[in-house]
């Protein structure tokens, strides 16, 4: 695991120095696959698990996030911009609740 960490760190560092856009997640996954290939060869890696769990998540996660953000955006606009709520006080309460929920989720993800 130390070798994987060193390889991923080195690649990310040199890519950042030269201004190349890269993904840290893809770099670490590539380093783990490379270490597995070096240690046990291609037959020792469960390629089906890799493609089903890792590669599909790279495509499913952004689509799911975009859909959830779009739905949340529509809900927030409807509740706070006066689409269905006439009371300004109630709109401010909804806005406060959504803001607090957003901060709570970001704090949870950072921890």
PDB file of N, CA and C in Angstrom:
ATOM      1  N   UNK A   1       0.826  -1.192   0.000  1.00  0.00           N
ATOM      2  CA  UNK A   1       0.000   0.000   0.000  1.00  0.00           C
ATOM      3  C   UNK A   1       0.872   1.257   0.000  1.00  0.00           C
ATOM      4  N   UNK A   2       2.029   1.161   0.642  1.00  0.00           N
ATOM      5  CA  UNK A   2       2.943   2.306   0.644  1.00  0.00           C
ATOM      6  C   UNK A   2       3.396   2.630  -0.776  1.00  0.00           C
ATOM      7  N   UNK A   3       3.679   1.587  -1.549  1.00  0.00           N
ATOM      8  CA  UNK A   3       4.094   1.798  -2.944  1.00  0.00           C
ATOM      9  C   UNK A   3       3.001   2.458  -3.765  1.00  0.00           C
ATOM     10  N   UNK A   4       1.761   2.037  -3.548  1.00  0.00           N
ATOM     11  CA  UNK A   4       0.617   2.643  -4.244  1.00  0.00           C
ATOM     12  C   UNK A   4       0.500   4.109  -3.873  1.00  0.00           C
ATOM     13  N   UNK A   5       0.633   4.410  -2.594  1.00  0.00           N
ATOM     14  CA  UNK A   5       0.516   5.798  -2.134  1.00  0.00           C
ATOM     15  C   UNK A   5       1.634   6.665  -2.705  1.00  0.00           C
ATOM     16  N   UNK A   6       2.834   6.148  -2.712  1.00  0.00           N
ATOM     17  CA  UNK A   6       3.976   6.914  -3.249  1.00  0.00           C
ATOM     18  C   UNK A   6       3.804   7.147  -4.748  1.00  0.00           C
ATOM     19  N   UNK A   7       3.381   6.117  -5.480  1.00  0.00           N
ATOM     20  CA  UNK A   7       3.189   6.263  -6.927  1.00  0.00           C
ATOM     21  C   UNK A   7       2.090   7.275  -7.240  1.00  0.00           C
ATOM     22  N   UNK A   8       0.978   7.170  -6.523  1.00  0.00           N
ATOM     23  CA  UNK A   8      -0.127   8.103  -6.767  1.00  0.00           C
ATOM     24  C   UNK A   8       0.268   9.528  -6.401  1.00  0.00           C
ATOM     25  N   UNK A   9       0.944   9.691  -5.252  1.00  0.00           N
ATOM     26  CA  UNK A   9       1.387  11.022  -4.830  1.00  0.00           C
ATOM     27  C   UNK A   9       2.342  11.630  -5.844  1.00  0.00           C
ATOM     28  N   UNK A  10       3.304  10.832  -6.309  1.00  0.00           N
ATOM     29  CA  UNK A  10       4.286  11.340  -7.269  1.00  0.00           C
ATOM     30  C   UNK A  10       3.622  11.780  -8.563  1.00  0.00           C
ATOM     31  N   UNK A  11       2.707  10.953  -9.071  1.00  0.00           N
ATOM     32  CA  UNK A  11       2.024  11.302 -10.312  1.00  0.00           C
ATOM     33  C   UNK A  11       1.193  12.565 -10.150  1.00  0.00           C
ATOM     34  N   UNK A  12       0.469  12.670  -9.037  1.00  0.00           N
ATOM     35  CA  UNK A  12      -0.349  13.861  -8.798  1.00  0.00           C
ATOM     36  C   UNK A  12       0.531  15.092  -8.645  1.00  0.00           C
ATOM     37  N   UNK A  13       1.646  14.964  -7.933  1.00  0.00           N
ATOM     38  CA  UNK A  13       2.558  16.094  -7.739  1.00  0.00           C
ATOM     39  C   UNK A  13       3.126  16.582  -9.061  1.00  0.00           C
ATOM     40  N   UNK A  14       3.665  15.663  -9.877  1.00  0.00           N
ATOM     41  CA  UNK A  14       4.260  16.071 -11.150  1.00  0.00           C
ATOM     42  C   UNK A  14       3.207  16.597 -12.121  1.00  0.00           C
ATOM     43  N   UNK A  15       2.037  16.024 -12.103  1.00  0.00           N
ATOM     44  CA  UNK A  15       0.960  16.527 -12.971  1.00  0.00           C
ATOM     45  C   UNK A  15       0.553  17.941 -12.564  1.00  0.00           C
ATOM     46  N   UNK A  16       0.505  18.190 -11.268  1.00  0.00           N
ATOM     47  CA  UNK A  16       0.154  19.528 -10.781  1.00  0.00           C
ATOM     48  C   UNK A  16       1.231  20.540 -11.131  1.00  0.00           C
ATOM     49  N   UNK A  17       2.486  20.141 -11.033  1.00  0.00           N
ATOM     50  CA  UNK A  17       3.594  21.051 -11.360  1.00  0.00           C
ATOM     51  C   UNK A  17       3.506  21.480 -12.816  1.00  0.00           C
ATOM     52  N   UNK A  18       3.180  20.540 -13.708  1.00  0.00           N
ATOM     53  CA  UNK A  18       3.117  20.859 -15.132  1.00  0.00           C
ATOM     54  C   UNK A  18       1.738  21.317 -15.579  1.00  0.00           C
ATOM     55  N   UNK A  19       0.808  21.482 -14.639  1.00  0.00           N
ATOM     56  CA  UNK A  19      -0.505  22.036 -14.954  1.00  0.00           C
ATOM     57  C   UNK A  19      -1.432  21.096 -15.688  1.00  0.00           C
ATOM     58  N   UNK A  20      -1.213  19.799 -15.577  1.00  0.00           N
ATOM     59  CA  UNK A  20      -2.072  18.840 -16.258  1.00  0.00           C
ATOM     60  C   UNK A  20      -3.290  18.528 -15.391  1.00  0.00           C
ATOM     61  N   UNK A  21      -4.483  18.581 -15.948  1.00  0.00           N
ATOM     62  CA  UNK A  21      -5.678  18.228 -15.162  1.00  0.00           C
ATOM     63  C   UNK A  21      -5.779  16.715 -15.006  1.00  0.00           C
ATOM     64  N   UNK A  22      -5.869  16.258 -13.781  1.00  0.00           N
ATOM     65  CA  UNK A  22      -5.987  14.825 -13.513  1.00  0.00           C
ATOM     66  C   UNK A  22      -7.028  14.606 -12.428  1.00  0.00           C
ATOM     67  N   UNK A  23      -7.379  13.365 -12.229  1.00  0.00           N
ATOM     68  CA  UNK A  23      -8.305  12.989 -11.166  1.00  0.00           C
ATOM     69  C   UNK A  23      -7.551  12.160 -10.137  1.00  0.00           C
ATOM     70  N   UNK A  24      -7.622  12.595  -8.882  1.00  0.00           N
ATOM     71  CA  UNK A  24      -6.942  11.860  -7.824  1.00  0.00           C
ATOM     72  C   UNK A  24      -7.499  10.461  -7.643  1.00  0.00           C
ATOM     73  N   UNK A  25      -8.811  10.322  -7.766  1.00  0.00           N
ATOM     74  CA  UNK A  25      -9.440   9.015  -7.615  1.00  0.00           C
ATOM     75  C   UNK A  25      -8.974   8.056  -8.704  1.00  0.00           C
ATOM     76  N   UNK A  26      -8.960   8.530  -9.938  1.00  0.00           N
ATOM     77  CA  UNK A  26      -8.515   7.684 -11.041  1.00  0.00           C
ATOM     78  C   UNK A  26      -7.039   7.322 -10.881  1.00  0.00           C
ATOM     79  N   UNK A  27      -6.254   8.253 -10.363  1.00  0.00           N
ATOM     80  CA  UNK A  27      -4.831   7.997 -10.154  1.00  0.00           C
ATOM     81  C   UNK A  27      -4.626   6.898  -9.122  1.00  0.00           C
ATOM     82  N   UNK A  28      -5.339   6.969  -8.017  1.00  0.00           N
ATOM     83  CA  UNK A  28      -5.188   5.956  -6.964  1.00  0.00           C
ATOM     84  C   UNK A  28      -5.675   4.592  -7.455  1.00  0.00           C
ATOM     85  N   UNK A  29      -6.803   4.550  -8.153  1.00  0.00           N
ATOM     86  CA  UNK A  29      -7.294   3.282  -8.684  1.00  0.00           C
ATOM     87  C   UNK A  29      -6.290   2.704  -9.685  1.00  0.00           C
ATOM     88  N   UNK A  30      -5.734   3.550 -10.530  1.00  0.00           N
ATOM     89  CA  UNK A  30      -4.716   3.091 -11.476  1.00  0.00           C
ATOM     90  C   UNK A  30      -3.473   2.574 -10.773  1.00  0.00           C
ATOM     91  N   UNK A  31      -3.078   3.224  -9.694  1.00  0.00           N
ATOM     92  CA  UNK A  31      -1.910   2.768  -8.936  1.00  0.00           C
ATOM     93  C   UNK A  31      -2.180   1.422  -8.273  1.00  0.00           C
ATOM     94  N   UNK A  32      -3.388   1.223  -7.762  1.00  0.00           N
ATOM     95  CA  UNK A  32      -3.736  -0.059  -7.141  1.00  0.00           C
ATOM     96  C   UNK A  32      -3.750  -1.170  -8.191  1.00  0.00           C
ATOM     97  N   UNK A  33      -4.332  -0.901  -9.353  1.00  0.00           N
ATOM     98  CA  UNK A  33      -4.333  -1.893 -10.432  1.00  0.00           C
ATOM     99  C   UNK A  33      -2.901  -2.187 -10.870  1.00  0.00           C
ATOM    100  N   UNK A  34      -2.084  -1.150 -11.001  1.00  0.00           N
ATOM    101  CA  UNK A  34      -0.678  -1.357 -11.384  1.00  0.00           C
ATOM    102  C   UNK A  34       0.083  -2.190 -10.373  1.00  0.00           C
ATOM    103  N   UNK A  35      -0.153  -1.944  -9.090  1.00  0.00           N
ATOM    104  CA  UNK A  35       0.504  -2.744  -8.052  1.00  0.00           C
ATOM    105  C   UNK A  35       0.022  -4.186  -8.100  1.00  0.00           C
ATOM    106  N   UNK A  36      -1.261  -4.380  -8.345  1.00  0.00           N
ATOM    107  CA  UNK A  36      -1.796  -5.740  -8.468  1.00  0.00           C
ATOM    108  C   UNK A  36      -1.214  -6.469  -9.658  1.00  0.00           C
ATOM    109  N   UNK A  37      -1.070  -5.765 -10.778  1.00  0.00           N
ATOM    110  CA  UNK A  37      -0.462  -6.374 -11.963  1.00  0.00           C
ATOM    111  C   UNK A  37       0.994  -6.748 -11.705  1.00  0.00           C
ATOM    112  N   UNK A  38       1.711  -5.874 -11.018  1.00  0.00           N
ATOM    113  CA  UNK A  38       3.114  -6.157 -10.730  1.00  0.00           C
ATOM    114  C   UNK A  38       3.269  -7.304  -9.739  1.00  0.00           C
ATOM    115  N   UNK A  39       2.345  -7.406  -8.797  1.00  0.00           N
ATOM    116  CA  UNK A  39       2.472  -8.422  -7.742  1.00  0.00           C
ATOM    117  C   UNK A  39       1.984  -9.800  -8.187  1.00  0.00           C
ATOM    118  N   UNK A  40       0.813  -9.878  -8.791  1.00  0.00           N
ATOM    119  CA  UNK A  40       0.229 -11.183  -9.090  1.00  0.00           C
ATOM    120  C   UNK A  40      -0.091 -11.394 -10.565  1.00  0.00           C
ATOM    121  N   UNK A  41       0.053 -10.371 -11.371  1.00  0.00           N
ATOM    122  CA  UNK A  41      -0.272 -10.497 -12.788  1.00  0.00           C
ATOM    123  C   UNK A  41      -1.742 -10.248 -13.056  1.00  0.00           C
ATOM    124  N   UNK A  42      -2.084 -10.258 -14.317  1.00  0.00           N
ATOM    125  CA  UNK A  42      -3.453  -9.943 -14.726  1.00  0.00           C
ATOM    126  C   UNK A  42      -4.480 -10.962 -14.296  1.00  0.00           C
ATOM    127  N   UNK A  43      -4.063 -12.207 -14.126  1.00  0.00           N
ATOM    128  CA  UNK A  43      -5.027 -13.240 -13.747  1.00  0.00           C
ATOM    129  C   UNK A  43      -5.400 -13.175 -12.265  1.00  0.00           C
ATOM    130  N   UNK A  44      -4.615 -12.469 -11.468  1.00  0.00           N
ATOM    131  CA  UNK A  44      -4.903 -12.372 -10.043  1.00  0.00           C
ATOM    132  C   UNK A  44      -5.845 -11.248  -9.672  1.00  0.00           C
ATOM    133  N   UNK A  45      -6.272 -10.474 -10.651  1.00  0.00           N
ATOM    134  CA  UNK A  45      -7.163  -9.333 -10.394  1.00  0.00           C
ATOM    135  C   UNK A  45      -8.577  -9.715 -10.819  1.00  0.00           C
ATOM    136  N   UNK A  46      -9.532  -9.420  -9.983  1.00  0.00           N
ATOM    137  CA  UNK A  46     -10.935  -9.685 -10.285  1.00  0.00           C
ATOM    138  C   UNK A  46     -11.447  -8.549 -11.177  1.00  0.00           C
ATOM    139  N   UNK A  47     -11.302  -8.718 -12.483  1.00  0.00           N
ATOM    140  CA  UNK A  47     -11.648  -7.656 -13.427  1.00  0.00           C
ATOM    141  C   UNK A  47     -13.141  -7.384 -13.451  1.00  0.00           C
ATOM    142  N   UNK A  48     -13.955  -8.407 -13.285  1.00  0.00           N
ATOM    143  CA  UNK A  48     -15.409  -8.208 -13.278  1.00  0.00           C
ATOM    144  C   UNK A  48     -15.806  -7.286 -12.122  1.00  0.00           C
ATOM    145  N   UNK A  49     -15.282  -7.547 -10.932  1.00  0.00           N
ATOM    146  CA  UNK A  49     -15.566  -6.704  -9.766  1.00  0.00           C
ATOM    147  C   UNK A  49     -15.090  -5.279 -10.027  1.00  0.00           C
ATOM    148  N   UNK A  50     -13.894  -5.148 -10.616  1.00  0.00           N
ATOM    149  CA  UNK A  50     -13.341  -3.824 -10.913  1.00  0.00           C
ATOM    150  C   UNK A  50     -14.266  -3.033 -11.832  1.00  0.00           C
ATOM    151  N   UNK A  51     -14.716  -3.655 -12.923  1.00  0.00           N
ATOM    152  CA  UNK A  51     -15.550  -2.927 -13.874  1.00  0.00           C
ATOM    153  C   UNK A  51     -16.938  -2.640 -13.314  1.00  0.00           C
ATOM    154  N   UNK A  52     -17.498  -3.598 -12.587  1.00  0.00           N
ATOM    155  CA  UNK A  52     -18.850  -3.401 -12.063  1.00  0.00           C
ATOM    156  C   UNK A  52     -18.855  -2.355 -10.955  1.00  0.00           C
ATOM    157  N   UNK A  53     -17.940  -2.458 -10.011  1.00  0.00           N
ATOM    158  CA  UNK A  53     -17.955  -1.579  -8.842  1.00  0.00           C
ATOM    159  C   UNK A  53     -17.281  -0.232  -9.086  1.00  0.00           C
ATOM    160  N   UNK A  54     -16.160  -0.224  -9.750  1.00  0.00           N
ATOM    161  CA  UNK A  54     -15.374   1.009  -9.863  1.00  0.00           C
ATOM    162  C   UNK A  54     -15.731   1.798 -11.118  1.00  0.00           C
ATOM    163  N   UNK A  55     -15.613   1.173 -12.266  1.00  0.00           N
ATOM    164  CA  UNK A  55     -15.807   1.906 -13.527  1.00  0.00           C
ATOM    165  C   UNK A  55     -17.250   2.392 -13.657  1.00  0.00           C
ATOM    166  N   UNK A  56     -18.210   1.555 -13.326  1.00  0.00           N
ATOM    167  CA  UNK A  56     -19.601   2.003 -13.415  1.00  0.00           C
ATOM    168  C   UNK A  56     -19.902   3.139 -12.440  1.00  0.00           C
ATOM    169  N   UNK A  57     -19.258   3.122 -11.277  1.00  0.00           N
ATOM    170  CA  UNK A  57     -19.497   4.211 -10.324  1.00  0.00           C
ATOM    171  C   UNK A  57     -18.978   5.537 -10.849  1.00  0.00           C
ATOM    172  N   UNK A  58     -17.954   5.508 -11.704  1.00  0.00           N
ATOM    173  CA  UNK A  58     -17.449   6.745 -12.296  1.00  0.00           C
ATOM    174  C   UNK A  58     -18.486   7.387 -13.211  1.00  0.00           C
ATOM    175  N   UNK A  59     -19.363   6.595 -13.791  1.00  0.00           N
ATOM    176  CA  UNK A  59     -20.388   7.124 -14.684  1.00  0.00           C
ATOM    177  C   UNK A  59     -21.713   7.361 -13.959  1.00  0.00           C
ATOM    178  N   UNK A  60     -22.038   6.489 -13.011  1.00  0.00           N
ATOM    179  CA  UNK A  60     -23.321   6.601 -12.314  1.00  0.00           C
ATOM    180  C   UNK A  60     -23.319   7.752 -11.307  1.00  0.00           C
ATOM    181  N   UNK A  61     -22.213   7.975 -10.622  1.00  0.00           N
ATOM    182  CA  UNK A  61     -22.160   9.022  -9.588  1.00  0.00           C
ATOM    183  C   UNK A  61     -22.439  10.421 -10.125  1.00  0.00           C
ATOM    184  N   UNK A  62     -21.793  10.865 -11.198  1.00  0.00           N
ATOM    185  CA  UNK A  62     -22.095  12.222 -11.685  1.00  0.00           C
ATOM    186  C   UNK A  62     -23.533  12.381 -12.173  1.00  0.00           C
ATOM    187  N   UNK A  63     -24.064  11.347 -12.817  1.00  0.00           N
ATOM    188  CA  UNK A  63     -25.446  11.431 -13.316  1.00  0.00           C
ATOM    189  C   UNK A  63     -26.420  11.511 -12.135  1.00  0.00           C
ATOM    190  N   UNK A  64     -26.204  10.671 -11.122  1.00  0.00           N
ATOM    191  CA  UNK A  64     -27.061  10.700  -9.940  1.00  0.00           C
ATOM    192  C   UNK A  64     -26.963  12.040  -9.214  1.00  0.00           C
ATOM    193  N   UNK A  65     -25.741  12.552  -9.073  1.00  0.00           N
ATOM    194  CA  UNK A  65     -25.552  13.845  -8.416  1.00  0.00           C
ATOM    195  C   UNK A  65     -26.247  14.963  -9.186  1.00  0.00           C
ATOM    196  N   UNK A  66     -26.151  14.944 -10.502  1.00  0.00           N
ATOM    197  CA  UNK A  66     -26.795  15.980 -11.316  1.00  0.00           C
ATOM    198  C   UNK A  66     -28.315  15.925 -11.169  1.00  0.00           C
ATOM    199  N   UNK A  67     -28.876  14.719 -11.182  1.00  0.00           N
ATOM    200  CA  UNK A  67     -30.326  14.589 -11.030  1.00  0.00           C
ATOM    201  C   UNK A  67     -30.790  15.055  -9.656  1.00  0.00           C
ATOM    202  N   UNK A  68     -30.085  14.643  -8.606  1.00  0.00           N
ATOM    203  CA  UNK A  68     -30.468  15.072  -7.261  1.00  0.00           C
ATOM    204  C   UNK A  68     -30.332  16.579  -7.087  1.00  0.00           C
ATOM    205  N   UNK A  69     -29.261  17.150  -7.615  1.00  0.00           N
ATOM    206  CA  UNK A  69     -29.078  18.607  -7.510  1.00  0.00           C
ATOM    207  C   UNK A  69     -30.153  19.347  -8.282  1.00  0.00           C
ATOM    208  N   UNK A  70     -30.508  18.843  -9.440  1.00  0.00           N
ATOM    209  CA  UNK A  70     -31.573  19.482 -10.221  1.00  0.00           C
ATOM    210  C   UNK A  70     -32.908  19.449  -9.494  1.00  0.00           C
ATOM    211  N   UNK A  71     -33.245  18.291  -8.928  1.00  0.00           N
ATOM    212  CA  UNK A  71     -34.498  18.191  -8.174  1.00  0.00           C
ATOM    213  C   UNK A  71     -34.492  19.077  -6.941  1.00  0.00           C
ATOM    214  N   UNK A  72     -33.368  19.103  -6.225  1.00  0.00           N
ATOM    215  CA  UNK A  72     -33.264  19.960  -5.049  1.00  0.00           C
ATOM    216  C   UNK A  72     -33.352  21.435  -5.438  1.00  0.00           C
ATOM    217  N   UNK A  73     -32.736  21.797  -6.556  1.00  0.00           N
ATOM    218  CA  UNK A  73     -32.793  23.176  -7.029  1.00  0.00           C
ATOM    219  C   UNK A  73     -34.232  23.589  -7.338  1.00  0.00           C
ATOM    220  N   UNK A  74     -34.958  22.717  -8.013  1.00  0.00           N
ATOM    221  CA  UNK A  74     -36.359  23.008  -8.329  1.00  0.00           C
ATOM    222  C   UNK A  74     -37.179  23.144  -7.050  1.00  0.00           C
ATOM    223  N   UNK A  75     -36.942  22.252  -6.093  1.00  0.00           N
ATOM    224  CA  UNK A  75     -37.668  22.304  -4.821  1.00  0.00           C
ATOM    225  C   UNK A  75     -37.359  23.596  -4.063  1.00  0.00           C
ATOM    226  N   UNK A  76     -36.090  23.953  -3.997  1.00  0.00           N
ATOM    227  CA  UNK A  76     -35.707  25.182  -3.288  1.00  0.00           C
ATOM    228  C   UNK A  76     -36.307  26.403  -3.973  1.00  0.00           C
ATOM    229  N   UNK A  77     -36.239  26.458  -5.290  1.00  0.00           N
ATOM    230  CA  UNK A  77     -36.834  27.594  -6.010  1.00  0.00           C
ATOM    231  C   UNK A  77     -38.337  27.667  -5.777  1.00  0.00           C
ATOM    232  N   UNK A  78     -38.997  26.529  -5.784  1.00  0.00           N
ATOM    233  CA  UNK A  78     -40.438  26.505  -5.586  1.00  0.00           C
ATOM    234  C   UNK A  78     -40.813  26.980  -4.190  1.00  0.00           C
ATOM    235  N   UNK A  79     -40.045  26.546  -3.187  1.00  0.00           N
ATOM    236  CA  UNK A  79     -40.396  26.877  -1.811  1.00  0.00           C
ATOM    237  C   UNK A  79     -39.902  28.246  -1.352  1.00  0.00           C
ATOM    238  N   UNK A  80     -38.807  28.738  -1.922  1.00  0.00           N
ATOM    239  CA  UNK A  80     -38.238  29.998  -1.423  1.00  0.00           C
ATOM    240  C   UNK A  80     -38.453  31.187  -2.342  1.00  0.00           C
ATOM    241  N   UNK A  81     -38.690  30.974  -3.604  1.00  0.00           N
ATOM    242  CA  UNK A  81     -38.873  32.100  -4.522  1.00  0.00           C
ATOM    243  C   UNK A  81     -40.333  32.438  -4.760  1.00  0.00           C
ATOM    244  N   UNK A  82     -41.211  31.797  -4.031  1.00  0.00           N
ATOM    245  CA  UNK A  82     -42.614  32.184  -4.085  1.00  0.00           C
ATOM    246  C   UNK A  82     -43.452  31.429  -5.089  1.00  0.00           C
ATOM    247  N   UNK A  83     -42.942  30.326  -5.635  1.00  0.00           N
ATOM    248  CA  UNK A  83     -43.719  29.568  -6.599  1.00  0.00           C
ATOM    249  C   UNK A  83     -44.997  28.996  -6.011  1.00  0.00           C
ATOM    250  N   UNK A  84     -44.918  28.466  -4.795  1.00  0.00           N
ATOM    251  CA  UNK A  84     -46.097  27.867  -4.193  1.00  0.00           C
ATOM    252  C   UNK A  84     -46.372  28.374  -2.795  1.00  0.00           C
ATOM    253  N   UNK A  85     -45.491  29.232  -2.282  1.00  0.00           N
ATOM    254  CA  UNK A  85     -45.623  29.729  -0.916  1.00  0.00           C
ATOM    255  C   UNK A  85     -45.764  31.244  -0.977  1.00  0.00           C
ATOM    256  N   UNK A  86     -46.819  31.759  -0.375  1.00  0.00           N
ATOM    257  CA  UNK A  86     -47.058  33.197  -0.433  1.00  0.00           C
ATOM    258  C   UNK A  86     -46.469  33.942   0.757  1.00  0.00           C
ATOM    259  N   UNK A  87     -46.250  33.288   1.859  1.00  0.00           N
ATOM    260  CA  UNK A  87     -45.768  33.942   3.061  1.00  0.00           C
ATOM    261  C   UNK A  87     -44.244  34.137   3.009  1.00  0.00           C
ATOM    262  N   UNK A  88     -43.814  35.378   3.182  1.00  0.00           N
ATOM    263  CA  UNK A  88     -42.377  35.675   3.184  1.00  0.00           C
ATOM    264  C   UNK A  88     -41.704  35.007   4.376  1.00  0.00           C
ATOM    265  N   UNK A  89     -42.378  34.994   5.511  1.00  0.00           N
ATOM    266  CA  UNK A  89     -41.812  34.373   6.709  1.00  0.00           C
ATOM    267  C   UNK A  89     -41.575  32.881   6.472  1.00  0.00           C
ATOM    268  N   UNK A  90     -42.526  32.221   5.855  1.00  0.00           N
ATOM    269  CA  UNK A  90     -42.378  30.795   5.569  1.00  0.00           C
ATOM    270  C   UNK A  90     -41.270  30.547   4.552  1.00  0.00           C
ATOM    271  N   UNK A  91     -41.141  31.437   3.570  1.00  0.00           N
ATOM    272  CA  UNK A  91     -40.046  31.314   2.600  1.00  0.00           C
ATOM    273  C   UNK A  91     -38.693  31.408   3.277  1.00  0.00           C
ATOM    274  N   UNK A  92     -38.564  32.353   4.230  1.00  0.00           N
ATOM    275  CA  UNK A  92     -37.297  32.503   4.954  1.00  0.00           C
ATOM    276  C   UNK A  92     -37.009  31.282   5.827  1.00  0.00           C
ATOM    277  N   UNK A  93     -38.043  30.707   6.402  1.00  0.00           N
ATOM    278  CA  UNK A  93     -37.854  29.487   7.197  1.00  0.00           C
ATOM    279  C   UNK A  93     -37.365  28.350   6.303  1.00  0.00           C
ATOM    280  N   UNK A  94     -37.974  28.182   5.130  1.00  0.00           N
ATOM    281  CA  UNK A  94     -37.526  27.145   4.197  1.00  0.00           C
ATOM    282  C   UNK A  94     -36.078  27.390   3.761  1.00  0.00           C
ATOM    283  N   UNK A  95     -35.765  28.642   3.458  1.00  0.00           N
ATOM    284  CA  UNK A  95     -34.404  28.966   3.037  1.00  0.00           C
ATOM    285  C   UNK A  95     -33.400  28.656   4.139  1.00  0.00           C
ATOM    286  N   UNK A  96     -33.742  28.976   5.378  1.00  0.00           N
ATOM    287  CA  UNK A  96     -32.875  28.674   6.518  1.00  0.00           C
ATOM    288  C   UNK A  96     -32.709  27.165   6.694  1.00  0.00           C
ATOM    289  N   UNK A  97     -33.796  26.424   6.570  1.00  0.00           N
ATOM    290  CA  UNK A  97     -33.723  24.966   6.703  1.00  0.00           C
ATOM    291  C   UNK A  97     -32.859  24.343   5.620  1.00  0.00           C
ATOM    292  N   UNK A  98     -33.043  24.772   4.376  1.00  0.00           N
ATOM    293  CA  UNK A  98     -32.235  24.230   3.285  1.00  0.00           C
ATOM    294  C   UNK A  98     -30.759  24.616   3.438  1.00  0.00           C
ATOM    295  N   UNK A  99     -30.498  25.840   3.874  1.00  0.00           N
ATOM    296  CA  UNK A  99     -29.109  26.258   4.085  1.00  0.00           C
ATOM    297  C   UNK A  99     -28.463  25.444   5.201  1.00  0.00           C
ATOM    298  N   UNK A 100     -29.195  25.257   6.302  1.00  0.00           N
ATOM    299  CA  UNK A 100     -28.670  24.457   7.403  1.00  0.00           C
ATOM    300  C   UNK A 100     -28.429  23.009   6.999  1.00  0.00           C
ATOM    301  N   UNK A 101     -29.345  22.454   6.221  1.00  0.00           N
ATOM    302  CA  UNK A 101     -29.174  21.091   5.736  1.00  0.00           C
ATOM    303  C   UNK A 101     -27.952  20.982   4.829  1.00  0.00           C
ATOM    304  N   UNK A 102     -27.748  21.972   3.974  1.00  0.00           N
ATOM    305  CA  UNK A 102     -26.579  21.967   3.093  1.00  0.00           C
ATOM    306  C   UNK A 102     -25.283  22.019   3.895  1.00  0.00           C
ATOM    307  N   UNK A 103     -25.226  22.873   4.900  1.00  0.00           N
ATOM    308  CA  UNK A 103     -24.027  22.967   5.747  1.00  0.00           C
ATOM    309  C   UNK A 103     -23.809  21.662   6.504  1.00  0.00           C
ATOM    310  N   UNK A 104     -24.886  21.048   6.989  1.00  0.00           N
ATOM    311  CA  UNK A 104     -24.762  19.779   7.712  1.00  0.00           C
ATOM    312  C   UNK A 104     -24.221  18.681   6.805  1.00  0.00           C
ATOM    313  N   UNK A 105     -24.714  18.606   5.582  1.00  0.00           N
ATOM    314  CA  UNK A 105     -24.245  17.585   4.642  1.00  0.00           C
ATOM    315  C   UNK A 105     -22.780  17.825   4.286  1.00  0.00           C
ATOM    316  N   UNK A 106     -22.399  19.086   4.013  1.00  0.00           N
ATOM    317  CA  UNK A 106     -21.001  19.371   3.693  1.00  0.00           C
ATOM    318  C   UNK A 106     -20.083  19.047   4.868  1.00  0.00           C
ATOM    319  N   UNK A 107     -20.520  19.355   6.091  1.00  0.00           N
ATOM    320  CA  UNK A 107     -19.718  19.031   7.272  1.00  0.00           C
ATOM    321  C   UNK A 107     -19.566  17.527   7.417  1.00  0.00           C
ATOM    322  N   UNK A 108     -20.648  16.787   7.217  1.00  0.00           N
ATOM    323  CA  UNK A 108     -20.591  15.331   7.298  1.00  0.00           C
ATOM    324  C   UNK A 108     -19.624  14.769   6.267  1.00  0.00           C
ATOM    325  N   UNK A 109     -19.670  15.285   5.042  1.00  0.00           N
ATOM    326  CA  UNK A 109     -18.791  14.768   3.989  1.00  0.00           C
ATOM    327  C   UNK A 109     -17.325  15.116   4.249  1.00  0.00           C
ATOM    328  N   UNK A 110     -17.085  16.252   4.869  1.00  0.00           N
ATOM    329  CA  UNK A 110     -15.695  16.628   5.197  1.00  0.00           C
ATOM    330  C   UNK A 110     -15.134  15.803   6.326  1.00  0.00           C
ATOM    331  N   UNK A 111     -15.991  15.398   7.243  1.00  0.00           N
ATOM    332  CA  UNK A 111     -15.521  14.598   8.383  1.00  0.00           C
ATOM    333  C   UNK A 111     -15.288  13.197   7.909  1.00  0.00           C
TER     334      UNK A 111
END
